[in-house]
Each structure stands twice: as C-alpha cells, then as structure tokens.
Amino acid sequence: MLVEIEIASPTALPLEDGTFDLAVVDDTADFIGDMRPEGEVATIREIDRILRPGGRVVFIGTSPARGAWPVVHTLAERPAPSGLGQASALLKADGFLSVRQLADRDGLVFVEAIKPR
C-alpha cells in the first residue's frame, strides 16, 4: 500500500482533484473545532475535492465536547444544530453517503463518510 502524508492548511490543500481513496482528518488537537464556520465548510469542500468517487473520509476526534467531535457526531447521529453542524449540511449537500460512527474508544471517536461514485 502506498501511503502519502501531506500536512497543509485544510482549507487549501496542495493536492490534485480526485487523487485519494482515503482522507484521514486527525482533529485530536482541536484544530477544526477551533475554526470559524466558513473554515470548516472550506475544509469539507477540500476533502470532497481531493477524494476519488467512492473514496472515504475518516474523522478522528477526542471527545463529545472538543475537536472535530461536534462535526462528526452531528454527521453520524443527529440533525445539524448550528456552527460546526454546517459541516454536516455541506457533506450532505455534496452527496456524501453512509455517514456513520465507526468507533468510540479510549478517548477517540472515529466517523466515516463515503463520496458517491
């Protein structure tokens, strides 16, 4: 398996469109959770842009109250409230499928969404 790790601004990734089968968003340091709503929206759009059709995105958060958790929890289990919940609305508008929580263990939460083919 070829693994490519790229560290860059999540709102303007220096990557080509439709390049990846999997994007892993590690927000255990609360980076996305601290963004303004427009930054969160831009981040989701960038993930959509770089994924191939049928590609997956996995969000990793730390707790229900911090980091990407409000984004991914909203995506997996309930309607979007406001603020970070706009990411859920954007993923749905972009047509992401099968948004679900994969695991919640040892202080980490994993949520997956699939870009349609």
C-alpha atoms as a PDB file:
ATOM      1  CA  MET A   1       0.000   0.000   0.000  1.00  0.00           C
ATOM      2  CA  LEU A   2       1.256   3.442  -0.880  1.00  0.00           C
ATOM      3  CA  VAL A   3       0.746   5.959   1.902  1.00  0.00           C
ATOM      4  CA  GLU A   4       1.239   9.643   1.295  1.00  0.00           C
ATOM      5  CA  ILE A   5       1.140  12.053   4.214  1.00  0.00           C
ATOM      6  CA  GLU A   6       0.589  15.718   3.487  1.00  0.00           C
ATOM      7  CA  ILE A   7       0.492  18.405   6.156  1.00  0.00           C
ATOM      8  CA  ALA A   8      -1.045  21.628   4.893  1.00  0.00           C
ATOM      9  CA  SER A   9      -3.795  24.126   5.513  1.00  0.00           C
ATOM     10  CA  PRO A  10      -7.029  22.129   5.446  1.00  0.00           C
ATOM     11  CA  THR A  11      -8.809  24.907   3.552  1.00  0.00           C
ATOM     12  CA  ALA A  12      -6.370  24.916   0.581  1.00  0.00           C
ATOM     13  CA  LEU A  13      -4.713  21.529   0.140  1.00  0.00           C
ATOM     14  CA  PRO A  14      -1.831  21.445  -2.393  1.00  0.00           C
ATOM     15  CA  LEU A  15      -3.208  18.264  -3.977  1.00  0.00           C
ATOM     16  CA  GLU A  16      -4.838  17.408  -7.293  1.00  0.00           C
ATOM     17  CA  ASP A  17      -8.569  16.784  -7.636  1.00  0.00           C
ATOM     18  CA  GLY A  18      -9.732  13.180  -7.206  1.00  0.00           C
ATOM     19  CA  THR A  19      -6.320  11.886  -6.154  1.00  0.00           C
ATOM     20  CA  PHE A  20      -7.050   9.891  -2.994  1.00  0.00           C
ATOM     21  CA  ASP A  21      -9.153   6.906  -1.987  1.00  0.00           C
ATOM     22  CA  LEU A  22      -8.961   7.799   1.715  1.00  0.00           C
ATOM     23  CA  ALA A  23      -8.576  11.035   3.631  1.00  0.00           C
ATOM     24  CA  VAL A  24      -7.960  10.844   7.378  1.00  0.00           C
ATOM     25  CA  VAL A  25      -8.706  14.023   9.301  1.00  0.00           C
ATOM     26  CA  ASP A  26      -6.946  13.966  12.669  1.00  0.00           C
ATOM     27  CA  ASP A  27      -8.519  16.632  14.822  1.00  0.00           C
ATOM     28  CA  THR A  28      -7.282  15.342  18.152  1.00  0.00           C
ATOM     29  CA  ALA A  29      -5.595  18.752  18.668  1.00  0.00           C
ATOM     30  CA  ASP A  30      -8.936  20.584  18.178  1.00  0.00           C
ATOM     31  CA  PHE A  31      -7.763  22.440  15.063  1.00  0.00           C
ATOM     32  CA  ILE A  32     -11.020  22.114  13.143  1.00  0.00           C
ATOM     33  CA  GLY A  33     -13.128  22.597  16.251  1.00  0.00           C
ATOM     34  CA  ASP A  34     -11.491  25.993  16.746  1.00  0.00           C
ATOM     35  CA  MET A  35     -12.187  27.181  13.163  1.00  0.00           C
ATOM     36  CA  ARG A  36     -14.818  29.655  12.146  1.00  0.00           C
ATOM     37  CA  PRO A  37     -17.771  28.062  10.319  1.00  0.00           C
ATOM     38  CA  GLU A  38     -16.502  29.190   6.904  1.00  0.00           C
ATOM     39  CA  GLY A  39     -13.178  27.436   7.592  1.00  0.00           C
ATOM     40  CA  GLU A  40     -14.990  24.224   8.462  1.00  0.00           C
ATOM     41  CA  VAL A  41     -17.009  24.442   5.240  1.00  0.00           C
ATOM     42  CA  ALA A  42     -13.847  25.074   3.196  1.00  0.00           C
ATOM     43  CA  THR A  43     -12.183  22.073   4.857  1.00  0.00           C
ATOM     44  CA  ILE A  44     -15.067  19.742   3.943  1.00  0.00           C
ATOM     45  CA  ARG A  45     -15.025  21.061   0.373  1.00  0.00           C
ATOM     46  CA  GLU A  46     -11.303  20.397   0.085  1.00  0.00           C
ATOM     47  CA  ILE A  47     -11.770  16.839   1.329  1.00  0.00           C
ATOM     48  CA  ASP A  48     -14.515  16.334  -1.254  1.00  0.00           C
ATOM     49  CA  ARG A  49     -12.297  17.792  -3.981  1.00  0.00           C
ATOM     50  CA  ILE A  50      -9.283  15.524  -3.365  1.00  0.00           C
ATOM     51  CA  LEU A  51     -11.258  12.279  -2.936  1.00  0.00           C
ATOM     52  CA  ARG A  52     -11.936   9.974  -5.862  1.00  0.00           C
ATOM     53  CA  PRO A  53     -15.547   8.857  -6.389  1.00  0.00           C
ATOM     54  CA  GLY A  54     -16.181   6.088  -3.852  1.00  0.00           C
ATOM     55  CA  GLY A  55     -13.426   7.475  -1.604  1.00  0.00           C
ATOM     56  CA  ARG A  56     -13.783   7.669   2.141  1.00  0.00           C
ATOM     57  CA  VAL A  57     -13.066  10.270   4.748  1.00  0.00           C
ATOM     58  CA  VAL A  58     -12.466   9.311   8.374  1.00  0.00           C
ATOM     59  CA  PHE A  59     -12.627  11.988  11.062  1.00  0.00           C
ATOM     60  CA  ILE A  60     -10.800  11.348  14.336  1.00  0.00           C
ATOM     61  CA  GLY A  61     -11.898  13.416  17.330  1.00  0.00           C
ATOM     62  CA  THR A  62     -11.171  13.308  21.030  1.00  0.00           C
ATOM     63  CA  SER A  63     -14.406  13.820  22.944  1.00  0.00           C
ATOM     64  CA  PRO A  64     -18.022  14.907  22.577  1.00  0.00           C
ATOM     65  CA  ALA A  65     -17.163  18.452  23.615  1.00  0.00           C
ATOM     66  CA  ARG A  66     -13.886  19.096  21.791  1.00  0.00           C
ATOM     67  CA  GLY A  67     -12.174  18.940  18.419  1.00  0.00           C
ATOM     68  CA  ALA A  68     -13.885  17.520  15.355  1.00  0.00           C
ATOM     69  CA  TRP A  69     -16.298  15.600  17.561  1.00  0.00           C
ATOM     70  CA  PRO A  70     -19.144  18.146  17.234  1.00  0.00           C
ATOM     71  CA  VAL A  71     -18.756  17.914  13.430  1.00  0.00           C
ATOM     72  CA  VAL A  72     -18.560  14.132  13.216  1.00  0.00           C
ATOM     73  CA  HIS A  73     -21.100  13.456  15.971  1.00  0.00           C
ATOM     74  CA  THR A  74     -23.577  15.679  14.156  1.00  0.00           C
ATOM     75  CA  LEU A  75     -22.812  13.865  10.914  1.00  0.00           C
ATOM     76  CA  ALA A  76     -23.338  10.423  12.388  1.00  0.00           C
ATOM     77  CA  GLU A  77     -26.216  10.731  14.771  1.00  0.00           C
ATOM     78  CA  ARG A  78     -28.437  13.788  14.699  1.00  0.00           C
ATOM     79  CA  PRO A  79     -29.534  16.764  12.629  1.00  0.00           C
ATOM     80  CA  ALA A  80     -27.101  19.648  12.452  1.00  0.00           C
ATOM     81  CA  PRO A  81     -27.701  22.338  15.067  1.00  0.00           C
ATOM     82  CA  SER A  82     -25.591  25.362  14.060  1.00  0.00           C
ATOM     83  CA  GLY A  83     -21.947  26.354  13.832  1.00  0.00           C
ATOM     84  CA  LEU A  84     -19.997  23.136  13.377  1.00  0.00           C
ATOM     85  CA  GLY A  85     -23.160  21.444  12.243  1.00  0.00           C
ATOM     86  CA  GLN A  86     -22.832  23.330   8.967  1.00  0.00           C
ATOM     87  CA  ALA A  87     -20.188  20.757   8.030  1.00  0.00           C
ATOM     88  CA  SER A  88     -22.872  18.087   8.207  1.00  0.00           C
ATOM     89  CA  ALA A  89     -25.139  20.048   5.894  1.00  0.00           C
ATOM     90  CA  LEU A  90     -22.266  20.576   3.466  1.00  0.00           C
ATOM     91  CA  LEU A  91     -21.350  16.873   3.381  1.00  0.00           C
ATOM     92  CA  LYS A  92     -24.984  16.037   2.699  1.00  0.00           C
ATOM     93  CA  ALA A  93     -25.192  18.738   0.018  1.00  0.00           C
ATOM     94  CA  ASP A  94     -22.026  17.315  -1.548  1.00  0.00           C
ATOM     95  CA  GLY A  95     -23.738  13.941  -1.541  1.00  0.00           C
ATOM     96  CA  PHE A  96     -21.568  12.026   0.934  1.00  0.00           C
ATOM     97  CA  LEU A  97     -23.120   8.671   1.811  1.00  0.00           C
ATOM     98  CA  SER A  98     -23.128   6.260   4.755  1.00  0.00           C
ATOM     99  CA  VAL A  99     -22.044   8.793   7.348  1.00  0.00           C
ATOM    100  CA  ARG A 100     -21.557   6.720  10.483  1.00  0.00           C
ATOM    101  CA  GLN A 101     -19.613   6.424  13.698  1.00  0.00           C
ATOM    102  CA  LEU A 102     -17.098   3.592  13.428  1.00  0.00           C
ATOM    103  CA  ALA A 103     -15.810   3.559  16.999  1.00  0.00           C
ATOM    104  CA  ASP A 104     -15.609   5.426  20.285  1.00  0.00           C
ATOM    105  CA  ARG A 105     -12.774   4.019  22.329  1.00  0.00           C
ATOM    106  CA  ASP A 106     -10.007   5.174  24.645  1.00  0.00           C
ATOM    107  CA  GLY A 107     -10.967   8.836  24.238  1.00  0.00           C
ATOM    108  CA  LEU A 108     -11.013   8.738  20.413  1.00  0.00           C
ATOM    109  CA  VAL A 109     -14.041   8.869  18.151  1.00  0.00           C
ATOM    110  CA  PHE A 110     -13.886   7.687  14.513  1.00  0.00           C
ATOM    111  CA  VAL A 111     -16.538   8.687  11.969  1.00  0.00           C
ATOM    112  CA  GLU A 112     -16.601   7.754   8.289  1.00  0.00           C
ATOM    113  CA  ALA A 113     -18.335   9.181   5.211  1.00  0.00           C
ATOM    114  CA  ILE A 114     -18.213   7.959   1.608  1.00  0.00           C
ATOM    115  CA  LYS A 115     -18.074  10.105  -1.504  1.00  0.00           C
ATOM    116  CA  PRO A 116     -20.552   8.708  -4.038  1.00  0.00           C
ATOM    117  CA  ARG A 117     -19.301   7.054  -7.249  1.00  0.00           C
END
